[in-house]
């Protein structure tokens, strides 16, 4: 399966490498091929107007990957339960599997 990790940190002083390392390790343990990585750094998740987040949805709609990996749900979205579920349902509607680590 083709997978794409998504990681996000709130400030430019934080690093995404720890999240990405764990996501890559998870992908490798499942035998999945990492075909893209989406990283938003220094951006709040209070909005879905994040460059890598939007790029990820564009790639998902074109079925460029099969599984979206994210470190934890709050790394994907903090917009509230209804909006977060909407994002997950949208991805599922594209035929993708979503998998959080935590």
PDB file of N, CA and C in Angstrom:
ATOM      1  N   UNK A   1       0.834  -1.184   0.000  1.00  0.00           N
ATOM      2  CA  UNK A   1       0.000   0.000   0.000  1.00  0.00           C
ATOM      3  C   UNK A   1       0.879   1.247   0.000  1.00  0.00           C
ATOM      4  N   UNK A   2       0.357   2.284  -0.589  1.00  0.00           N
ATOM      5  CA  UNK A   2       1.057   3.564  -0.610  1.00  0.00           C
ATOM      6  C   UNK A   2       0.547   4.421   0.543  1.00  0.00           C
ATOM      7  N   UNK A   3       1.474   4.982   1.301  1.00  0.00           N
ATOM      8  CA  UNK A   3       1.041   5.801   2.431  1.00  0.00           C
ATOM      9  C   UNK A   3       1.691   7.169   2.393  1.00  0.00           C
ATOM     10  N   UNK A   4       1.071   8.072   3.141  1.00  0.00           N
ATOM     11  CA  UNK A   4       1.556   9.445   3.230  1.00  0.00           C
ATOM     12  C   UNK A   4       1.433   9.907   4.672  1.00  0.00           C
ATOM     13  N   UNK A   5       2.541  10.157   5.335  1.00  0.00           N
ATOM     14  CA  UNK A   5       2.486  10.734   6.669  1.00  0.00           C
ATOM     15  C   UNK A   5       2.145  12.224   6.621  1.00  0.00           C
ATOM     16  N   UNK A   6       1.361  12.666   7.604  1.00  0.00           N
ATOM     17  CA  UNK A   6       1.080  14.087   7.792  1.00  0.00           C
ATOM     18  C   UNK A   6       1.565  14.445   9.193  1.00  0.00           C
ATOM     19  N   UNK A   7       2.374  15.496   9.300  1.00  0.00           N
ATOM     20  CA  UNK A   7       2.814  15.961  10.620  1.00  0.00           C
ATOM     21  C   UNK A   7       2.652  17.464  10.704  1.00  0.00           C
ATOM     22  N   UNK A   8       2.492  17.928  11.932  1.00  0.00           N
ATOM     23  CA  UNK A   8       2.299  19.353  12.156  1.00  0.00           C
ATOM     24  C   UNK A   8       2.805  19.717  13.540  1.00  0.00           C
ATOM     25  N   UNK A   9       3.443  20.876  13.622  1.00  0.00           N
ATOM     26  CA  UNK A   9       3.826  21.458  14.901  1.00  0.00           C
ATOM     27  C   UNK A   9       3.369  22.910  14.905  1.00  0.00           C
ATOM     28  N   UNK A  10       3.140  23.440  16.112  1.00  0.00           N
ATOM     29  CA  UNK A  10       2.560  24.775  16.255  1.00  0.00           C
ATOM     30  C   UNK A  10       3.533  25.915  16.019  1.00  0.00           C
ATOM     31  N   UNK A  11       4.806  25.684  16.351  1.00  0.00           N
ATOM     32  CA  UNK A  11       5.766  26.783  16.255  1.00  0.00           C
ATOM     33  C   UNK A  11       6.945  26.404  15.375  1.00  0.00           C
ATOM     34  N   UNK A  12       7.648  27.412  14.913  1.00  0.00           N
ATOM     35  CA  UNK A  12       8.851  27.167  14.116  1.00  0.00           C
ATOM     36  C   UNK A  12       9.985  26.605  14.947  1.00  0.00           C
ATOM     37  N   UNK A  13       9.885  26.718  16.277  1.00  0.00           N
ATOM     38  CA  UNK A  13      10.941  26.218  17.164  1.00  0.00           C
ATOM     39  C   UNK A  13      10.821  24.720  17.406  1.00  0.00           C
ATOM     40  N   UNK A  14       9.676  24.144  17.085  1.00  0.00           N
ATOM     41  CA  UNK A  14       9.475  22.713  17.249  1.00  0.00           C
ATOM     42  C   UNK A  14       9.890  21.988  15.973  1.00  0.00           C
ATOM     43  N   UNK A  15      10.213  20.726  16.131  1.00  0.00           N
ATOM     44  CA  UNK A  15      10.636  19.906  14.993  1.00  0.00           C
ATOM     45  C   UNK A  15       9.585  18.842  14.686  1.00  0.00           C
ATOM     46  N   UNK A  16       9.409  18.548  13.438  1.00  0.00           N
ATOM     47  CA  UNK A  16       8.489  17.485  13.027  1.00  0.00           C
ATOM     48  C   UNK A  16       9.200  16.151  12.858  1.00  0.00           C
ATOM     49  N   UNK A  17      10.517  16.152  12.934  1.00  0.00           N
ATOM     50  CA  UNK A  17      11.284  14.942  12.633  1.00  0.00           C
ATOM     51  C   UNK A  17      10.927  13.772  13.550  1.00  0.00           C
ATOM     52  N   UNK A  18      10.648  14.027  14.822  1.00  0.00           N
ATOM     53  CA  UNK A  18      10.276  12.951  15.739  1.00  0.00           C
ATOM     54  C   UNK A  18       8.975  12.281  15.287  1.00  0.00           C
ATOM     55  N   UNK A  19       7.991  13.098  14.920  1.00  0.00           N
ATOM     56  CA  UNK A  19       6.731  12.544  14.409  1.00  0.00           C
ATOM     57  C   UNK A  19       6.983  11.748  13.136  1.00  0.00           C
ATOM     58  N   UNK A  20       7.721  12.345  12.215  1.00  0.00           N
ATOM     59  CA  UNK A  20       7.972  11.684  10.930  1.00  0.00           C
ATOM     60  C   UNK A  20       8.732  10.372  11.099  1.00  0.00           C
ATOM     61  N   UNK A  21       9.702  10.343  12.011  1.00  0.00           N
ATOM     62  CA  UNK A  21      10.448   9.109  12.262  1.00  0.00           C
ATOM     63  C   UNK A  21       9.493   7.993  12.693  1.00  0.00           C
ATOM     64  N   UNK A  22       8.616   8.301  13.633  1.00  0.00           N
ATOM     65  CA  UNK A  22       7.666   7.289  14.112  1.00  0.00           C
ATOM     66  C   UNK A  22       6.688   6.869  13.016  1.00  0.00           C
ATOM     67  N   UNK A  23       6.247   7.827  12.214  1.00  0.00           N
ATOM     68  CA  UNK A  23       5.320   7.499  11.127  1.00  0.00           C
ATOM     69  C   UNK A  23       5.996   6.648  10.053  1.00  0.00           C
ATOM     70  N   UNK A  24       7.236   6.968   9.732  1.00  0.00           N
ATOM     71  CA  UNK A  24       7.989   6.162   8.750  1.00  0.00           C
ATOM     72  C   UNK A  24       8.224   4.749   9.275  1.00  0.00           C
ATOM     73  N   UNK A  25       8.535   4.654  10.577  1.00  0.00           N
ATOM     74  CA  UNK A  25       8.749   3.351  11.212  1.00  0.00           C
ATOM     75  C   UNK A  25       7.479   2.516  11.161  1.00  0.00           C
ATOM     76  N   UNK A  26       6.343   3.143  11.432  1.00  0.00           N
ATOM     77  CA  UNK A  26       5.054   2.453  11.359  1.00  0.00           C
ATOM     78  C   UNK A  26       4.806   1.953   9.939  1.00  0.00           C
ATOM     79  N   UNK A  27       5.033   2.814   8.967  1.00  0.00           N
ATOM     80  CA  UNK A  27       4.834   2.431   7.563  1.00  0.00           C
ATOM     81  C   UNK A  27       5.723   1.243   7.199  1.00  0.00           C
ATOM     82  N   UNK A  28       6.980   1.317   7.591  1.00  0.00           N
ATOM     83  CA  UNK A  28       7.914   0.226   7.278  1.00  0.00           C
ATOM     84  C   UNK A  28       7.471  -1.088   7.931  1.00  0.00           C
ATOM     85  N   UNK A  29       6.988  -1.012   9.165  1.00  0.00           N
ATOM     86  CA  UNK A  29       6.565  -2.230   9.868  1.00  0.00           C
ATOM     87  C   UNK A  29       5.353  -2.879   9.207  1.00  0.00           C
ATOM     88  N   UNK A  30       4.565  -2.092   8.483  1.00  0.00           N
ATOM     89  CA  UNK A  30       3.405  -2.617   7.768  1.00  0.00           C
ATOM     90  C   UNK A  30       3.727  -3.010   6.332  1.00  0.00           C
ATOM     91  N   UNK A  31       4.952  -2.686   5.896  1.00  0.00           N
ATOM     92  CA  UNK A  31       5.337  -2.967   4.520  1.00  0.00           C
ATOM     93  C   UNK A  31       4.759  -1.964   3.532  1.00  0.00           C
ATOM     94  N   UNK A  32       4.409  -0.780   4.028  1.00  0.00           N
ATOM     95  CA  UNK A  32       3.826   0.261   3.179  1.00  0.00           C
ATOM     96  C   UNK A  32       4.917   1.134   2.581  1.00  0.00           C
ATOM     97  N   UNK A  33       4.693   1.595   1.379  1.00  0.00           N
ATOM     98  CA  UNK A  33       5.615   2.497   0.701  1.00  0.00           C
ATOM     99  C   UNK A  33       5.211   3.945   0.995  1.00  0.00           C
ATOM    100  N   UNK A  34       6.149   4.738   1.499  1.00  0.00           N
ATOM    101  CA  UNK A  34       5.896   6.160   1.726  1.00  0.00           C
ATOM    102  C   UNK A  34       6.077   6.870   0.383  1.00  0.00           C
ATOM    103  N   UNK A  35       4.987   7.421  -0.150  1.00  0.00           N
ATOM    104  CA  UNK A  35       5.035   8.061  -1.463  1.00  0.00           C
ATOM    105  C   UNK A  35       5.002   9.584  -1.379  1.00  0.00           C
ATOM    106  N   UNK A  36       4.646  10.108  -0.207  1.00  0.00           N
ATOM    107  CA  UNK A  36       4.612  11.564  -0.001  1.00  0.00           C
ATOM    108  C   UNK A  36       4.614  11.833   1.495  1.00  0.00           C
ATOM    109  N   UNK A  37       5.107  12.988   1.873  1.00  0.00           N
ATOM    110  CA  UNK A  37       5.045  13.445   3.260  1.00  0.00           C
ATOM    111  C   UNK A  37       4.518  14.875   3.248  1.00  0.00           C
ATOM    112  N   UNK A  38       3.590  15.142   4.141  1.00  0.00           N
ATOM    113  CA  UNK A  38       2.984  16.460   4.238  1.00  0.00           C
ATOM    114  C   UNK A  38       3.304  17.036   5.609  1.00  0.00           C
ATOM    115  N   UNK A  39       3.923  18.218   5.637  1.00  0.00           N
ATOM    116  CA  UNK A  39       4.392  18.808   6.891  1.00  0.00           C
ATOM    117  C   UNK A  39       3.966  20.266   6.969  1.00  0.00           C
ATOM    118  N   UNK A  40       3.241  20.602   8.025  1.00  0.00           N
ATOM    119  CA  UNK A  40       2.917  21.990   8.339  1.00  0.00           C
ATOM    120  C   UNK A  40       3.683  22.352   9.602  1.00  0.00           C
ATOM    121  N   UNK A  41       4.509  23.362   9.513  1.00  0.00           N
ATOM    122  CA  UNK A  41       5.324  23.768  10.657  1.00  0.00           C
ATOM    123  C   UNK A  41       5.019  25.220  11.011  1.00  0.00           C
ATOM    124  N   UNK A  42       4.776  25.444  12.308  1.00  0.00           N
ATOM    125  CA  UNK A  42       4.500  26.791  12.780  1.00  0.00           C
ATOM    126  C   UNK A  42       3.118  27.281  12.395  1.00  0.00           C
ATOM    127  N   UNK A  43       2.180  26.333  12.257  1.00  0.00           N
ATOM    128  CA  UNK A  43       0.824  26.688  11.837  1.00  0.00           C
ATOM    129  C   UNK A  43      -0.185  26.087  12.807  1.00  0.00           C
ATOM    130  N   UNK A  44      -1.131  26.899  13.236  1.00  0.00           N
ATOM    131  CA  UNK A  44      -2.188  26.451  14.139  1.00  0.00           C
ATOM    132  C   UNK A  44      -3.113  25.484  13.425  1.00  0.00           C
ATOM    133  N   UNK A  45      -3.672  24.556  14.174  1.00  0.00           N
ATOM    134  CA  UNK A  45      -4.657  23.648  13.602  1.00  0.00           C
ATOM    135  C   UNK A  45      -6.063  24.134  13.881  1.00  0.00           C
ATOM    136  N   UNK A  46      -6.206  25.373  14.290  1.00  0.00           N
ATOM    137  CA  UNK A  46      -7.529  25.934  14.496  1.00  0.00           C
ATOM    138  C   UNK A  46      -8.240  26.210  13.187  1.00  0.00           C
ATOM    139  N   UNK A  47      -7.560  25.973  12.096  1.00  0.00           N
ATOM    140  CA  UNK A  47      -8.121  26.203  10.767  1.00  0.00           C
ATOM    141  C   UNK A  47      -7.617  25.123   9.816  1.00  0.00           C
ATOM    142  N   UNK A  48      -8.376  24.868   8.786  1.00  0.00           N
ATOM    143  CA  UNK A  48      -7.913  23.901   7.780  1.00  0.00           C
ATOM    144  C   UNK A  48      -7.153  24.605   6.664  1.00  0.00           C
ATOM    145  N   UNK A  49      -6.950  25.897   6.814  1.00  0.00           N
ATOM    146  CA  UNK A  49      -6.213  26.687   5.822  1.00  0.00           C
ATOM    147  C   UNK A  49      -4.710  26.591   6.099  1.00  0.00           C
ATOM    148  N   UNK A  50      -4.186  25.366   5.894  1.00  0.00           N
ATOM    149  CA  UNK A  50      -2.770  25.084   6.080  1.00  0.00           C
ATOM    150  C   UNK A  50      -2.239  24.522   4.769  1.00  0.00           C
ATOM    151  N   UNK A  51      -1.102  25.014   4.289  1.00  0.00           N
ATOM    152  CA  UNK A  51      -0.619  24.597   2.962  1.00  0.00           C
ATOM    153  C   UNK A  51      -0.488  23.082   2.768  1.00  0.00           C
ATOM    154  N   UNK A  52       0.205  22.406   3.664  1.00  0.00           N
ATOM    155  CA  UNK A  52       0.409  20.961   3.490  1.00  0.00           C
ATOM    156  C   UNK A  52      -0.891  20.190   3.690  1.00  0.00           C
ATOM    157  N   UNK A  53      -1.754  20.671   4.574  1.00  0.00           N
ATOM    158  CA  UNK A  53      -3.054  20.049   4.812  1.00  0.00           C
ATOM    159  C   UNK A  53      -3.882  20.084   3.528  1.00  0.00           C
ATOM    160  N   UNK A  54      -3.908  21.239   2.880  1.00  0.00           N
ATOM    161  CA  UNK A  54      -4.649  21.370   1.629  1.00  0.00           C
ATOM    162  C   UNK A  54      -4.009  20.539   0.508  1.00  0.00           C
ATOM    163  N   UNK A  55      -2.689  20.524   0.472  1.00  0.00           N
ATOM    164  CA  UNK A  55      -1.974  19.701  -0.515  1.00  0.00           C
ATOM    165  C   UNK A  55      -2.287  18.218  -0.304  1.00  0.00           C
ATOM    166  N   UNK A  56      -2.358  17.802   0.971  1.00  0.00           N
ATOM    167  CA  UNK A  56      -2.674  16.410   1.294  1.00  0.00           C
ATOM    168  C   UNK A  56      -4.065  16.049   0.783  1.00  0.00           C
ATOM    169  N   UNK A  57      -5.049  16.930   1.003  1.00  0.00           N
ATOM    170  CA  UNK A  57      -6.405  16.643   0.516  1.00  0.00           C
ATOM    171  C   UNK A  57      -6.450  16.595  -1.005  1.00  0.00           C
ATOM    172  N   UNK A  58      -5.702  17.441  -1.670  1.00  0.00           N
ATOM    173  CA  UNK A  58      -5.647  17.413  -3.125  1.00  0.00           C
ATOM    174  C   UNK A  58      -5.087  16.084  -3.614  1.00  0.00           C
ATOM    175  N   UNK A  59      -3.982  15.646  -3.012  1.00  0.00           N
ATOM    176  CA  UNK A  59      -3.383  14.357  -3.392  1.00  0.00           C
ATOM    177  C   UNK A  59      -4.314  13.201  -3.060  1.00  0.00           C
ATOM    178  N   UNK A  60      -5.006  13.302  -1.925  1.00  0.00           N
ATOM    179  CA  UNK A  60      -5.940  12.245  -1.521  1.00  0.00           C
ATOM    180  C   UNK A  60      -7.082  12.122  -2.515  1.00  0.00           C
ATOM    181  N   UNK A  61      -7.585  13.265  -2.981  1.00  0.00           N
ATOM    182  CA  UNK A  61      -8.707  13.230  -3.919  1.00  0.00           C
ATOM    183  C   UNK A  61      -8.311  12.603  -5.253  1.00  0.00           C
ATOM    184  N   UNK A  62      -7.017  12.617  -5.554  1.00  0.00           N
ATOM    185  CA  UNK A  62      -6.502  12.011  -6.793  1.00  0.00           C
ATOM    186  C   UNK A  62      -5.994  10.596  -6.567  1.00  0.00           C
ATOM    187  N   UNK A  63      -6.204  10.083  -5.309  1.00  0.00           N
ATOM    188  CA  UNK A  63      -5.795   8.728  -4.917  1.00  0.00           C
ATOM    189  C   UNK A  63      -4.305   8.484  -5.150  1.00  0.00           C
ATOM    190  N   UNK A  64      -3.488   9.482  -4.792  1.00  0.00           N
ATOM    191  CA  UNK A  64      -2.036   9.341  -4.928  1.00  0.00           C
ATOM    192  C   UNK A  64      -1.445   8.500  -3.801  1.00  0.00           C
ATOM    193  N   UNK A  65      -2.242   8.203  -2.784  1.00  0.00           N
ATOM    194  CA  UNK A  65      -1.837   7.308  -1.699  1.00  0.00           C
ATOM    195  C   UNK A  65      -3.082   6.611  -1.164  1.00  0.00           C
ATOM    196  N   UNK A  66      -2.867   5.530  -0.398  1.00  0.00           N
ATOM    197  CA  UNK A  66      -3.968   4.712   0.116  1.00  0.00           C
ATOM    198  C   UNK A  66      -4.215   4.902   1.606  1.00  0.00           C
ATOM    199  N   UNK A  67      -3.167   5.259   2.335  1.00  0.00           N
ATOM    200  CA  UNK A  67      -3.252   5.385   3.791  1.00  0.00           C
ATOM    201  C   UNK A  67      -2.663   6.722   4.208  1.00  0.00           C
ATOM    202  N   UNK A  68      -3.386   7.452   5.031  1.00  0.00           N
ATOM    203  CA  UNK A  68      -2.859   8.670   5.646  1.00  0.00           C
ATOM    204  C   UNK A  68      -2.467   8.343   7.070  1.00  0.00           C
ATOM    205  N   UNK A  69      -1.196   8.552   7.389  1.00  0.00           N
ATOM    206  CA  UNK A  69      -0.699   8.341   8.749  1.00  0.00           C
ATOM    207  C   UNK A  69      -0.535   9.689   9.438  1.00  0.00           C
ATOM    208  N   UNK A  70      -0.914   9.763  10.691  1.00  0.00           N
ATOM    209  CA  UNK A  70      -0.660  10.964  11.482  1.00  0.00           C
ATOM    210  C   UNK A  70      -0.328  10.531  12.892  1.00  0.00           C
ATOM    211  N   UNK A  71       0.466  11.355  13.573  1.00  0.00           N
ATOM    212  CA  UNK A  71       0.991  10.982  14.886  1.00  0.00           C
ATOM    213  C   UNK A  71      -0.121  10.909  15.928  1.00  0.00           C
ATOM    214  N   UNK A  72      -0.975  11.904  15.978  1.00  0.00           N
ATOM    215  CA  UNK A  72      -2.146  11.878  16.852  1.00  0.00           C
ATOM    216  C   UNK A  72      -3.206  12.773  16.238  1.00  0.00           C
ATOM    217  N   UNK A  73      -4.438  12.582  16.649  1.00  0.00           N
ATOM    218  CA  UNK A  73      -5.548  13.318  16.056  1.00  0.00           C
ATOM    219  C   UNK A  73      -5.376  14.825  16.204  1.00  0.00           C
ATOM    220  N   UNK A  74      -4.782  15.272  17.305  1.00  0.00           N
ATOM    221  CA  UNK A  74      -4.600  16.721  17.479  1.00  0.00           C
ATOM    222  C   UNK A  74      -3.501  17.278  16.575  1.00  0.00           C
ATOM    223  N   UNK A  75      -2.690  16.430  15.976  1.00  0.00           N
ATOM    224  CA  UNK A  75      -1.733  16.889  14.966  1.00  0.00           C
ATOM    225  C   UNK A  75      -2.443  17.097  13.630  1.00  0.00           C
ATOM    226  N   UNK A  76      -3.561  16.398  13.435  1.00  0.00           N
ATOM    227  CA  UNK A  76      -4.333  16.533  12.205  1.00  0.00           C
ATOM    228  C   UNK A  76      -5.261  17.749  12.278  1.00  0.00           C
ATOM    229  N   UNK A  77      -5.991  17.882  13.401  1.00  0.00           N
ATOM    230  CA  UNK A  77      -6.959  18.975  13.505  1.00  0.00           C
ATOM    231  C   UNK A  77      -7.321  19.247  14.953  1.00  0.00           C
ATOM    232  N   UNK A  78      -7.496  20.516  15.250  1.00  0.00           N
ATOM    233  CA  UNK A  78      -8.047  20.966  16.536  1.00  0.00           C
ATOM    234  C   UNK A  78      -9.204  21.924  16.285  1.00  0.00           C
ATOM    235  N   UNK A  79      -9.888  21.711  15.207  1.00  0.00           N
ATOM    236  CA  UNK A  79     -11.002  22.582  14.831  1.00  0.00           C
ATOM    237  C   UNK A  79     -12.277  22.253  15.593  1.00  0.00           C
ATOM    238  N   UNK A  80     -12.296  21.165  16.304  1.00  0.00           N
ATOM    239  CA  UNK A  80     -13.486  20.698  17.009  1.00  0.00           C
ATOM    240  C   UNK A  80     -13.929  19.369  16.442  1.00  0.00           C
ATOM    241  N   UNK A  81     -14.729  18.659  17.209  1.00  0.00           N
ATOM    242  CA  UNK A  81     -15.144  17.308  16.825  1.00  0.00           C
ATOM    243  C   UNK A  81     -15.876  17.260  15.484  1.00  0.00           C
ATOM    244  N   UNK A  82     -16.890  18.106  15.258  1.00  0.00           N
ATOM    245  CA  UNK A  82     -17.605  17.996  13.973  1.00  0.00           C
ATOM    246  C   UNK A  82     -16.702  18.217  12.760  1.00  0.00           C
ATOM    247  N   UNK A  83     -15.832  19.229  12.827  1.00  0.00           N
ATOM    248  CA  UNK A  83     -14.949  19.519  11.696  1.00  0.00           C
ATOM    249  C   UNK A  83     -13.923  18.414  11.492  1.00  0.00           C
ATOM    250  N   UNK A  84     -13.370  17.903  12.591  1.00  0.00           N
ATOM    251  CA  UNK A  84     -12.387  16.824  12.490  1.00  0.00           C
ATOM    252  C   UNK A  84     -13.024  15.579  11.881  1.00  0.00           C
ATOM    253  N   UNK A  85     -14.225  15.253  12.330  1.00  0.00           N
ATOM    254  CA  UNK A  85     -14.931  14.105  11.746  1.00  0.00           C
ATOM    255  C   UNK A  85     -15.230  14.336  10.271  1.00  0.00           C
ATOM    256  N   UNK A  86     -15.528  15.560   9.917  1.00  0.00           N
ATOM    257  CA  UNK A  86     -15.761  15.891   8.520  1.00  0.00           C
ATOM    258  C   UNK A  86     -14.506  15.626   7.674  1.00  0.00           C
ATOM    259  N   UNK A  87     -13.345  16.026   8.206  1.00  0.00           N
ATOM    260  CA  UNK A  87     -12.084  15.763   7.492  1.00  0.00           C
ATOM    261  C   UNK A  87     -11.865  14.264   7.318  1.00  0.00           C
ATOM    262  N   UNK A  88     -12.065  13.505   8.399  1.00  0.00           N
ATOM    263  CA  UNK A  88     -11.865  12.055   8.333  1.00  0.00           C
ATOM    264  C   UNK A  88     -12.863  11.406   7.377  1.00  0.00           C
ATOM    265  N   UNK A  89     -14.109  11.856   7.408  1.00  0.00           N
ATOM    266  CA  UNK A  89     -15.122  11.318   6.483  1.00  0.00           C
ATOM    267  C   UNK A  89     -14.786  11.646   5.039  1.00  0.00           C
ATOM    268  N   UNK A  90     -14.266  12.829   4.818  1.00  0.00           N
ATOM    269  CA  UNK A  90     -13.863  13.221   3.461  1.00  0.00           C
ATOM    270  C   UNK A  90     -12.771  12.285   2.944  1.00  0.00           C
ATOM    271  N   UNK A  91     -11.779  12.009   3.791  1.00  0.00           N
ATOM    272  CA  UNK A  91     -10.700  11.102   3.402  1.00  0.00           C
ATOM    273  C   UNK A  91     -11.222   9.693   3.150  1.00  0.00           C
ATOM    274  N   UNK A  92     -12.112   9.234   4.010  1.00  0.00           N
ATOM    275  CA  UNK A  92     -12.717   7.918   3.834  1.00  0.00           C
ATOM    276  C   UNK A  92     -13.515   7.868   2.538  1.00  0.00           C
ATOM    277  N   UNK A  93     -14.182   8.972   2.231  1.00  0.00           N
ATOM    278  CA  UNK A  93     -14.938   9.052   0.981  1.00  0.00           C
ATOM    279  C   UNK A  93     -14.066   8.926  -0.252  1.00  0.00           C
ATOM    280  N   UNK A  94     -12.817   9.316  -0.117  1.00  0.00           N
ATOM    281  CA  UNK A  94     -11.855   9.153  -1.221  1.00  0.00           C
ATOM    282  C   UNK A  94     -11.355   7.712  -1.302  1.00  0.00           C
ATOM    283  N   UNK A  95     -11.761   6.872  -0.362  1.00  0.00           N
ATOM    284  CA  UNK A  95     -11.330   5.483  -0.351  1.00  0.00           C
ATOM    285  C   UNK A  95     -10.055   5.254   0.429  1.00  0.00           C
ATOM    286  N   UNK A  96      -9.666   6.226   1.265  1.00  0.00           N
ATOM    287  CA  UNK A  96      -8.426   6.113   2.026  1.00  0.00           C
ATOM    288  C   UNK A  96      -8.667   5.518   3.404  1.00  0.00           C
ATOM    289  N   UNK A  97      -7.603   4.974   3.959  1.00  0.00           N
ATOM    290  CA  UNK A  97      -7.577   4.520   5.337  1.00  0.00           C
ATOM    291  C   UNK A  97      -6.815   5.587   6.118  1.00  0.00           C
ATOM    292  N   UNK A  98      -7.306   5.970   7.286  1.00  0.00           N
ATOM    293  CA  UNK A  98      -6.582   6.912   8.141  1.00  0.00           C
ATOM    294  C   UNK A  98      -6.121   6.153   9.372  1.00  0.00           C
ATOM    295  N   UNK A  99      -4.896   6.463   9.803  1.00  0.00           N
ATOM    296  CA  UNK A  99      -4.333   5.752  10.963  1.00  0.00           C
ATOM    297  C   UNK A  99      -3.538   6.724  11.803  1.00  0.00           C
ATOM    298  N   UNK A 100      -3.978   6.914  13.051  1.00  0.00           N
ATOM    299  CA  UNK A 100      -3.242   7.711  14.016  1.00  0.00           C
ATOM    300  C   UNK A 100      -2.387   6.822  14.883  1.00  0.00           C
ATOM    301  N   UNK A 101      -1.246   7.330  15.294  1.00  0.00           N
ATOM    302  CA  UNK A 101      -0.328   6.547  16.135  1.00  0.00           C
ATOM    303  C   UNK A 101      -0.759   6.541  17.596  1.00  0.00           C
ATOM    304  N   UNK A 102      -1.279   7.667  18.085  1.00  0.00           N
ATOM    305  CA  UNK A 102      -1.625   7.769  19.502  1.00  0.00           C
ATOM    306  C   UNK A 102      -3.108   7.829  19.675  1.00  0.00           C
TER     307      UNK A 102
END
